[in-house]
PDB file of N, CA and C in Angstrom:
ATOM      1  N   UNK A   1       0.824  -1.165   0.000  1.00  0.00           N
ATOM      2  CA  UNK A   1       0.000   0.000   0.000  1.00  0.00           C
ATOM      3  C   UNK A   1       0.884   1.250   0.000  1.00  0.00           C
ATOM      4  N   UNK A   2       0.492   2.181  -0.808  1.00  0.00           N
ATOM      5  CA  UNK A   2       1.278   3.397  -0.969  1.00  0.00           C
ATOM      6  C   UNK A   2       0.833   4.468   0.028  1.00  0.00           C
ATOM      7  N   UNK A   3       1.779   5.102   0.647  1.00  0.00           N
ATOM      8  CA  UNK A   3       1.455   6.159   1.603  1.00  0.00           C
ATOM      9  C   UNK A   3       1.218   7.477   0.883  1.00  0.00           C
ATOM     10  N   UNK A   4       0.216   8.178   1.328  1.00  0.00           N
ATOM     11  CA  UNK A   4      -0.057   9.494   0.764  1.00  0.00           C
ATOM     12  C   UNK A   4       0.791  10.537   1.464  1.00  0.00           C
ATOM     13  N   UNK A   5       1.203  11.488   0.719  1.00  0.00           N
ATOM     14  CA  UNK A   5       1.987  12.586   1.258  1.00  0.00           C
ATOM     15  C   UNK A   5       1.072  13.584   1.949  1.00  0.00           C
ATOM     16  N   UNK A   6       1.440  13.989   3.108  1.00  0.00           N
ATOM     17  CA  UNK A   6       0.663  14.982   3.836  1.00  0.00           C
ATOM     18  C   UNK A   6       1.340  16.334   3.646  1.00  0.00           C
ATOM     19  N   UNK A   7       0.570  17.256   3.142  1.00  0.00           N
ATOM     20  CA  UNK A   7       1.105  18.595   2.915  1.00  0.00           C
ATOM     21  C   UNK A   7       0.517  19.530   3.973  1.00  0.00           C
ATOM     22  N   UNK A   8       1.381  20.164   4.708  1.00  0.00           N
ATOM     23  CA  UNK A   8       0.954  21.103   5.732  1.00  0.00           C
ATOM     24  C   UNK A   8       1.255  22.504   5.222  1.00  0.00           C
ATOM     25  N   UNK A   9       0.203  23.279   5.144  1.00  0.00           N
ATOM     26  CA  UNK A   9       0.394  24.660   4.692  1.00  0.00           C
ATOM     27  C   UNK A   9       0.568  25.568   5.891  1.00  0.00           C
ATOM     28  N   UNK A  10       1.550  26.371   5.812  1.00  0.00           N
ATOM     29  CA  UNK A  10       1.775  27.316   6.894  1.00  0.00           C
ATOM     30  C   UNK A  10       0.913  28.548   6.680  1.00  0.00           C
ATOM     31  N   UNK A  11       0.454  29.068   7.775  1.00  0.00           N
ATOM     32  CA  UNK A  11      -0.300  30.299   7.712  1.00  0.00           C
ATOM     33  C   UNK A  11       0.655  31.434   7.379  1.00  0.00           C
ATOM     34  N   UNK A  12       0.336  32.175   6.360  1.00  0.00           N
ATOM     35  CA  UNK A  12       1.210  33.289   5.995  1.00  0.00           C
ATOM     36  C   UNK A  12       0.861  34.502   6.837  1.00  0.00           C
ATOM     37  N   UNK A  13       1.853  35.253   7.140  1.00  0.00           N
ATOM     38  CA  UNK A  13       1.627  36.483   7.908  1.00  0.00           C
ATOM     39  C   UNK A  13       1.452  37.645   6.946  1.00  0.00           C
ATOM     40  N   UNK A  14       0.449  38.419   7.218  1.00  0.00           N
ATOM     41  CA  UNK A  14       0.230  39.612   6.413  1.00  0.00           C
ATOM     42  C   UNK A  14       1.171  40.712   6.886  1.00  0.00           C
ATOM     43  N   UNK A  15       1.565  41.554   5.961  1.00  0.00           N
ATOM     44  CA  UNK A  15       2.376  42.712   6.312  1.00  0.00           C
ATOM     45  C   UNK A  15       1.454  43.825   6.804  1.00  0.00           C
ATOM     46  N   UNK A  16       2.040  44.827   7.397  1.00  0.00           N
ATOM     47  CA  UNK A  16       1.270  45.972   7.877  1.00  0.00           C
ATOM     48  C   UNK A  16       0.517  46.629   6.724  1.00  0.00           C
ATOM     49  N   UNK A  17       1.170  46.736   5.569  1.00  0.00           N
ATOM     50  CA  UNK A  17       0.527  47.342   4.402  1.00  0.00           C
ATOM     51  C   UNK A  17      -0.691  46.546   3.946  1.00  0.00           C
ATOM     52  N   UNK A  18      -0.608  45.213   4.007  1.00  0.00           N
ATOM     53  CA  UNK A  18      -1.742  44.378   3.607  1.00  0.00           C
ATOM     54  C   UNK A  18      -2.919  44.547   4.569  1.00  0.00           C
ATOM     55  N   UNK A  19      -2.625  44.602   5.871  1.00  0.00           N
ATOM     56  CA  UNK A  19      -3.695  44.830   6.842  1.00  0.00           C
ATOM     57  C   UNK A  19      -4.322  46.208   6.639  1.00  0.00           C
ATOM     58  N   UNK A  20      -3.481  47.207   6.425  1.00  0.00           N
ATOM     59  CA  UNK A  20      -4.009  48.566   6.212  1.00  0.00           C
ATOM     60  C   UNK A  20      -4.880  48.638   4.971  1.00  0.00           C
ATOM     61  N   UNK A  21      -4.437  48.021   3.895  1.00  0.00           N
ATOM     62  CA  UNK A  21      -5.229  48.032   2.660  1.00  0.00           C
ATOM     63  C   UNK A  21      -6.548  47.297   2.859  1.00  0.00           C
ATOM     64  N   UNK A  22      -6.506  46.169   3.555  1.00  0.00           N
ATOM     65  CA  UNK A  22      -7.724  45.414   3.839  1.00  0.00           C
ATOM     66  C   UNK A  22      -8.716  46.224   4.651  1.00  0.00           C
ATOM     67  N   UNK A  23      -8.214  46.898   5.690  1.00  0.00           N
ATOM     68  CA  UNK A  23      -9.103  47.713   6.513  1.00  0.00           C
ATOM     69  C   UNK A  23      -9.611  48.924   5.750  1.00  0.00           C
ATOM     70  N   UNK A  24      -8.790  49.505   4.891  1.00  0.00           N
ATOM     71  CA  UNK A  24      -9.256  50.640   4.084  1.00  0.00           C
ATOM     72  C   UNK A  24     -10.430  50.231   3.211  1.00  0.00           C
ATOM     73  N   UNK A  25     -10.323  49.074   2.581  1.00  0.00           N
ATOM     74  CA  UNK A  25     -11.409  48.583   1.724  1.00  0.00           C
ATOM     75  C   UNK A  25     -12.638  48.272   2.573  1.00  0.00           C
ATOM     76  N   UNK A  26     -12.419  47.595   3.706  1.00  0.00           N
ATOM     77  CA  UNK A  26     -13.552  47.251   4.571  1.00  0.00           C
ATOM     78  C   UNK A  26     -14.251  48.508   5.082  1.00  0.00           C
ATOM     79  N   UNK A  27     -13.479  49.469   5.535  1.00  0.00           N
ATOM     80  CA  UNK A  27     -14.081  50.690   6.082  1.00  0.00           C
ATOM     81  C   UNK A  27     -14.806  51.492   5.012  1.00  0.00           C
ATOM     82  N   UNK A  28     -14.356  51.402   3.764  1.00  0.00           N
ATOM     83  CA  UNK A  28     -15.065  52.117   2.702  1.00  0.00           C
ATOM     84  C   UNK A  28     -16.468  51.541   2.512  1.00  0.00           C
ATOM     85  N   UNK A  29     -16.650  50.256   2.805  1.00  0.00           N
ATOM     86  CA  UNK A  29     -17.976  49.628   2.706  1.00  0.00           C
ATOM     87  C   UNK A  29     -18.787  49.849   3.973  1.00  0.00           C
ATOM     88  N   UNK A  30     -18.099  49.876   5.129  1.00  0.00           N
ATOM     89  CA  UNK A  30     -18.796  49.992   6.410  1.00  0.00           C
ATOM     90  C   UNK A  30     -19.282  51.416   6.647  1.00  0.00           C
ATOM     91  N   UNK A  31     -18.375  52.378   6.470  1.00  0.00           N
ATOM     92  CA  UNK A  31     -18.737  53.776   6.698  1.00  0.00           C
ATOM     93  C   UNK A  31     -19.673  54.244   5.605  1.00  0.00           C
ATOM     94  N   UNK A  32     -20.737  54.852   5.994  1.00  0.00           N
ATOM     95  CA  UNK A  32     -21.678  55.387   5.020  1.00  0.00           C
ATOM     96  C   UNK A  32     -22.680  54.380   4.491  1.00  0.00           C
ATOM     97  N   UNK A  33     -22.617  53.153   4.979  1.00  0.00           N
ATOM     98  CA  UNK A  33     -23.581  52.143   4.526  1.00  0.00           C
ATOM     99  C   UNK A  33     -24.968  52.540   5.016  1.00  0.00           C
ATOM    100  N   UNK A  34     -25.967  52.419   4.154  1.00  0.00           N
ATOM    101  CA  UNK A  34     -27.332  52.750   4.574  1.00  0.00           C
ATOM    102  C   UNK A  34     -27.776  51.873   5.749  1.00  0.00           C
ATOM    103  N   UNK A  35     -28.672  52.397   6.551  1.00  0.00           N
ATOM    104  CA  UNK A  35     -29.150  51.681   7.730  1.00  0.00           C
ATOM    105  C   UNK A  35     -29.744  50.330   7.369  1.00  0.00           C
ATOM    106  N   UNK A  36     -30.471  50.261   6.257  1.00  0.00           N
ATOM    107  CA  UNK A  36     -31.063  48.986   5.837  1.00  0.00           C
ATOM    108  C   UNK A  36     -29.997  47.930   5.595  1.00  0.00           C
ATOM    109  N   UNK A  37     -28.868  48.345   5.072  1.00  0.00           N
ATOM    110  CA  UNK A  37     -27.769  47.420   4.798  1.00  0.00           C
ATOM    111  C   UNK A  37     -27.079  47.027   6.099  1.00  0.00           C
ATOM    112  N   UNK A  38     -26.837  48.004   6.965  1.00  0.00           N
ATOM    113  CA  UNK A  38     -26.142  47.743   8.234  1.00  0.00           C
ATOM    114  C   UNK A  38     -26.880  46.764   9.133  1.00  0.00           C
ATOM    115  N   UNK A  39     -28.191  46.737   9.032  1.00  0.00           N
ATOM    116  CA  UNK A  39     -28.971  45.869   9.910  1.00  0.00           C
ATOM    117  C   UNK A  39     -29.131  44.449   9.363  1.00  0.00           C
ATOM    118  N   UNK A  40     -28.675  44.197   8.148  1.00  0.00           N
ATOM    119  CA  UNK A  40     -28.763  42.854   7.567  1.00  0.00           C
ATOM    120  C   UNK A  40     -27.831  41.904   8.324  1.00  0.00           C
ATOM    121  N   UNK A  41     -28.299  40.678   8.540  1.00  0.00           N
ATOM    122  CA  UNK A  41     -27.510  39.675   9.274  1.00  0.00           C
ATOM    123  C   UNK A  41     -26.180  39.388   8.578  1.00  0.00           C
ATOM    124  N   UNK A  42     -26.194  39.334   7.252  1.00  0.00           N
ATOM    125  CA  UNK A  42     -24.960  39.026   6.520  1.00  0.00           C
ATOM    126  C   UNK A  42     -23.916  40.116   6.749  1.00  0.00           C
ATOM    127  N   UNK A  43     -24.356  41.360   6.717  1.00  0.00           N
ATOM    128  CA  UNK A  43     -23.446  42.481   6.963  1.00  0.00           C
ATOM    129  C   UNK A  43     -22.832  42.358   8.352  1.00  0.00           C
ATOM    130  N   UNK A  44     -23.657  42.086   9.351  1.00  0.00           N
ATOM    131  CA  UNK A  44     -23.180  41.950  10.726  1.00  0.00           C
ATOM    132  C   UNK A  44     -22.242  40.752  10.879  1.00  0.00           C
ATOM    133  N   UNK A  45     -22.562  39.651  10.194  1.00  0.00           N
ATOM    134  CA  UNK A  45     -21.686  38.471  10.242  1.00  0.00           C
ATOM    135  C   UNK A  45     -20.319  38.770   9.640  1.00  0.00           C
ATOM    136  N   UNK A  46     -20.306  39.527   8.560  1.00  0.00           N
ATOM    137  CA  UNK A  46     -19.033  39.910   7.937  1.00  0.00           C
ATOM    138  C   UNK A  46     -18.189  40.732   8.905  1.00  0.00           C
ATOM    139  N   UNK A  47     -18.823  41.647   9.630  1.00  0.00           N
ATOM    140  CA  UNK A  47     -18.091  42.459  10.608  1.00  0.00           C
ATOM    141  C   UNK A  47     -17.514  41.592  11.721  1.00  0.00           C
ATOM    142  N   UNK A  48     -18.283  40.597  12.141  1.00  0.00           N
ATOM    143  CA  UNK A  48     -17.808  39.680  13.181  1.00  0.00           C
ATOM    144  C   UNK A  48     -16.594  38.897  12.695  1.00  0.00           C
ATOM    145  N   UNK A  49     -16.654  38.420  11.465  1.00  0.00           N
ATOM    146  CA  UNK A  49     -15.532  37.666  10.891  1.00  0.00           C
ATOM    147  C   UNK A  49     -14.300  38.556  10.774  1.00  0.00           C
ATOM    148  N   UNK A  50     -14.478  39.777  10.276  1.00  0.00           N
ATOM    149  CA  UNK A  50     -13.347  40.698  10.132  1.00  0.00           C
ATOM    150  C   UNK A  50     -12.713  40.991  11.486  1.00  0.00           C
ATOM    151  N   UNK A  51     -13.538  41.252  12.474  1.00  0.00           N
ATOM    152  CA  UNK A  51     -13.045  41.570  13.804  1.00  0.00           C
ATOM    153  C   UNK A  51     -12.274  40.395  14.394  1.00  0.00           C
ATOM    154  N   UNK A  52     -12.844  39.182  14.319  1.00  0.00           N
ATOM    155  CA  UNK A  52     -12.190  38.003  14.866  1.00  0.00           C
ATOM    156  C   UNK A  52     -10.870  37.731  14.148  1.00  0.00           C
ATOM    157  N   UNK A  53     -10.904  37.810  12.818  1.00  0.00           N
ATOM    158  CA  UNK A  53      -9.707  37.502  12.032  1.00  0.00           C
ATOM    159  C   UNK A  53      -8.587  38.486  12.338  1.00  0.00           C
ATOM    160  N   UNK A  54      -8.929  39.753  12.466  1.00  0.00           N
ATOM    161  CA  UNK A  54      -7.906  40.748  12.772  1.00  0.00           C
ATOM    162  C   UNK A  54      -7.334  40.522  14.170  1.00  0.00           C
ATOM    163  N   UNK A  55      -8.206  40.271  15.136  1.00  0.00           N
ATOM    164  CA  UNK A  55      -7.765  40.064  16.516  1.00  0.00           C
ATOM    165  C   UNK A  55      -6.852  38.844  16.638  1.00  0.00           C
ATOM    166  N   UNK A  56      -7.059  37.854  15.781  1.00  0.00           N
ATOM    167  CA  UNK A  56      -6.269  36.628  15.844  1.00  0.00           C
ATOM    168  C   UNK A  56      -5.172  36.567  14.786  1.00  0.00           C
ATOM    169  N   UNK A  57      -5.005  37.631  14.019  1.00  0.00           N
ATOM    170  CA  UNK A  57      -3.951  37.677  13.009  1.00  0.00           C
ATOM    171  C   UNK A  57      -4.150  36.691  11.873  1.00  0.00           C
ATOM    172  N   UNK A  58      -5.395  36.350  11.583  1.00  0.00           N
ATOM    173  CA  UNK A  58      -5.703  35.366  10.549  1.00  0.00           C
ATOM    174  C   UNK A  58      -6.042  36.082   9.241  1.00  0.00           C
ATOM    175  N   UNK A  59      -5.044  36.270   8.411  1.00  0.00           N
ATOM    176  CA  UNK A  59      -5.225  36.991   7.152  1.00  0.00           C
ATOM    177  C   UNK A  59      -6.160  36.301   6.185  1.00  0.00           C
ATOM    178  N   UNK A  60      -6.116  34.987   6.146  1.00  0.00           N
ATOM    179  CA  UNK A  60      -6.982  34.248   5.218  1.00  0.00           C
ATOM    180  C   UNK A  60      -8.451  34.434   5.584  1.00  0.00           C
ATOM    181  N   UNK A  61      -8.770  34.330   6.864  1.00  0.00           N
ATOM    182  CA  UNK A  61     -10.161  34.522   7.285  1.00  0.00           C
ATOM    183  C   UNK A  61     -10.584  35.972   7.095  1.00  0.00           C
ATOM    184  N   UNK A  62      -9.672  36.907   7.323  1.00  0.00           N
ATOM    185  CA  UNK A  62      -9.975  38.317   7.098  1.00  0.00           C
ATOM    186  C   UNK A  62     -10.325  38.524   5.625  1.00  0.00           C
ATOM    187  N   UNK A  63      -9.536  37.916   4.757  1.00  0.00           N
ATOM    188  CA  UNK A  63      -9.781  38.043   3.320  1.00  0.00           C
ATOM    189  C   UNK A  63     -11.139  37.455   2.939  1.00  0.00           C
ATOM    190  N   UNK A  64     -11.501  36.332   3.533  1.00  0.00           N
ATOM    191  CA  UNK A  64     -12.810  35.734   3.260  1.00  0.00           C
ATOM    192  C   UNK A  64     -13.941  36.649   3.729  1.00  0.00           C
ATOM    193  N   UNK A  65     -13.790  37.218   4.918  1.00  0.00           N
ATOM    194  CA  UNK A  65     -14.804  38.150   5.423  1.00  0.00           C
ATOM    195  C   UNK A  65     -14.904  39.392   4.570  1.00  0.00           C
ATOM    196  N   UNK A  66     -13.758  39.888   4.119  1.00  0.00           N
ATOM    197  CA  UNK A  66     -13.745  41.073   3.271  1.00  0.00           C
ATOM    198  C   UNK A  66     -14.409  40.793   1.922  1.00  0.00           C
ATOM    199  N   UNK A  67     -14.103  39.630   1.342  1.00  0.00           N
ATOM    200  CA  UNK A  67     -14.730  39.263   0.068  1.00  0.00           C
ATOM    201  C   UNK A  67     -16.237  39.119   0.219  1.00  0.00           C
ATOM    202  N   UNK A  68     -16.678  38.517   1.314  1.00  0.00           N
ATOM    203  CA  UNK A  68     -18.109  38.368   1.554  1.00  0.00           C
ATOM    204  C   UNK A  68     -18.773  39.728   1.714  1.00  0.00           C
ATOM    205  N   UNK A  69     -18.125  40.639   2.434  1.00  0.00           N
ATOM    206  CA  UNK A  69     -18.666  41.990   2.623  1.00  0.00           C
ATOM    207  C   UNK A  69     -18.764  42.723   1.296  1.00  0.00           C
ATOM    208  N   UNK A  70     -17.702  42.645   0.497  1.00  0.00           N
ATOM    209  CA  UNK A  70     -17.707  43.329  -0.799  1.00  0.00           C
ATOM    210  C   UNK A  70     -18.778  42.745  -1.725  1.00  0.00           C
ATOM    211  N   UNK A  71     -18.914  41.426  -1.747  1.00  0.00           N
ATOM    212  CA  UNK A  71     -19.926  40.785  -2.587  1.00  0.00           C
ATOM    213  C   UNK A  71     -21.330  41.163  -2.138  1.00  0.00           C
ATOM    214  N   UNK A  72     -21.561  41.149  -0.841  1.00  0.00           N
ATOM    215  CA  UNK A  72     -22.877  41.505  -0.315  1.00  0.00           C
ATOM    216  C   UNK A  72     -23.245  42.934  -0.696  1.00  0.00           C
ATOM    217  N   UNK A  73     -22.312  43.864  -0.495  1.00  0.00           N
ATOM    218  CA  UNK A  73     -22.583  45.272  -0.819  1.00  0.00           C
ATOM    219  C   UNK A  73     -22.829  45.449  -2.316  1.00  0.00           C
ATOM    220  N   UNK A  74     -22.020  44.792  -3.132  1.00  0.00           N
ATOM    221  CA  UNK A  74     -22.203  44.885  -4.587  1.00  0.00           C
ATOM    222  C   UNK A  74     -23.545  44.292  -5.012  1.00  0.00           C
ATOM    223  N   UNK A  75     -23.944  43.201  -4.388  1.00  0.00           N
ATOM    224  CA  UNK A  75     -25.244  42.593  -4.701  1.00  0.00           C
ATOM    225  C   UNK A  75     -26.394  43.530  -4.340  1.00  0.00           C
ATOM    226  N   UNK A  76     -26.298  44.185  -3.197  1.00  0.00           N
ATOM    227  CA  UNK A  76     -27.356  45.110  -2.776  1.00  0.00           C
ATOM    228  C   UNK A  76     -27.500  46.256  -3.765  1.00  0.00           C
ATOM    229  N   UNK A  77     -26.371  46.744  -4.267  1.00  0.00           N
ATOM    230  CA  UNK A  77     -26.398  47.832  -5.244  1.00  0.00           C
ATOM    231  C   UNK A  77     -26.949  47.331  -6.583  1.00  0.00           C
ATOM    232  N   UNK A  78     -26.490  46.172  -7.040  1.00  0.00           N
ATOM    233  CA  UNK A  78     -26.922  45.663  -8.342  1.00  0.00           C
ATOM    234  C   UNK A  78     -28.401  45.273  -8.348  1.00  0.00           C
ATOM    235  N   UNK A  79     -28.936  44.884  -7.182  1.00  0.00           N
ATOM    236  CA  UNK A  79     -30.352  44.545  -7.087  1.00  0.00           C
ATOM    237  C   UNK A  79     -31.227  45.786  -6.965  1.00  0.00           C
ATOM    238  N   UNK A  80     -30.607  46.946  -6.857  1.00  0.00           N
ATOM    239  CA  UNK A  80     -31.358  48.195  -6.785  1.00  0.00           C
ATOM    240  C   UNK A  80     -31.862  48.527  -5.397  1.00  0.00           C
ATOM    241  N   UNK A  81     -31.340  47.885  -4.378  1.00  0.00           N
ATOM    242  CA  UNK A  81     -31.770  48.157  -3.008  1.00  0.00           C
ATOM    243  C   UNK A  81     -31.235  49.488  -2.488  1.00  0.00           C
ATOM    244  N   UNK A  82     -30.146  49.959  -3.080  1.00  0.00           N
ATOM    245  CA  UNK A  82     -29.546  51.225  -2.668  1.00  0.00           C
ATOM    246  C   UNK A  82     -28.562  51.672  -3.748  1.00  0.00           C
ATOM    247  N   UNK A  83     -28.055  52.888  -3.584  1.00  0.00           N
ATOM    248  CA  UNK A  83     -27.026  53.393  -4.488  1.00  0.00           C
ATOM    249  C   UNK A  83     -25.656  53.110  -3.888  1.00  0.00           C
ATOM    250  N   UNK A  84     -24.644  53.062  -4.755  1.00  0.00           N
ATOM    251  CA  UNK A  84     -23.282  52.805  -4.283  1.00  0.00           C
ATOM    252  C   UNK A  84     -22.820  53.940  -3.383  1.00  0.00           C
ATOM    253  N   UNK A  85     -22.380  53.599  -2.185  1.00  0.00           N
ATOM    254  CA  UNK A  85     -21.947  54.607  -1.218  1.00  0.00           C
ATOM    255  C   UNK A  85     -20.438  54.662  -1.050  1.00  0.00           C
ATOM    256  N   UNK A  86     -19.719  53.698  -1.571  1.00  0.00           N
ATOM    257  CA  UNK A  86     -18.262  53.708  -1.423  1.00  0.00           C
ATOM    258  C   UNK A  86     -17.639  54.302  -2.671  1.00  0.00           C
ATOM    259  N   UNK A  87     -16.432  54.797  -2.517  1.00  0.00           N
ATOM    260  CA  UNK A  87     -15.712  55.441  -3.606  1.00  0.00           C
ATOM    261  C   UNK A  87     -15.242  54.404  -4.619  1.00  0.00           C
ATOM    262  N   UNK A  88     -15.382  54.732  -5.884  1.00  0.00           N
ATOM    263  CA  UNK A  88     -14.958  53.792  -6.937  1.00  0.00           C
ATOM    264  C   UNK A  88     -13.445  53.652  -6.976  1.00  0.00           C
ATOM    265  N   UNK A  89     -12.714  54.633  -6.469  1.00  0.00           N
ATOM    266  CA  UNK A  89     -11.252  54.543  -6.451  1.00  0.00           C
ATOM    267  C   UNK A  89     -10.780  53.477  -5.478  1.00  0.00           C
ATOM    268  N   UNK A  90     -11.573  53.188  -4.451  1.00  0.00           N
ATOM    269  CA  UNK A  90     -11.165  52.219  -3.449  1.00  0.00           C
ATOM    270  C   UNK A  90     -11.563  50.803  -3.804  1.00  0.00           C
ATOM    271  N   UNK A  91     -12.248  50.626  -4.900  1.00  0.00           N
ATOM    272  CA  UNK A  91     -12.630  49.266  -5.307  1.00  0.00           C
ATOM    273  C   UNK A  91     -11.390  48.537  -5.787  1.00  0.00           C
ATOM    274  N   UNK A  92     -11.210  47.277  -5.339  1.00  0.00           N
ATOM    275  CA  UNK A  92      -9.995  46.544  -5.740  1.00  0.00           C
ATOM    276  C   UNK A  92     -10.012  46.141  -7.188  1.00  0.00           C
TER     277      UNK A  92
END
């Protein structure tokens, strides 16, 4: 019987610039968000994920929370629930 190779991936550490850029993008979606958007469970869950990931230095989870937040906000705008409130220059 052949043994399978086990690959262990190391958690990469984000640099200060990567954390700052991530928070800049997140804050552009958080600040100025309409009240209807802020009260949505998905929006609140994204904030919880971002907060936990940052507190624990988990860049991968932070990135997942940020992507979910950006997708949710873009979906709300594309569905016509609100107008875009974040700056287009800050879009990745």
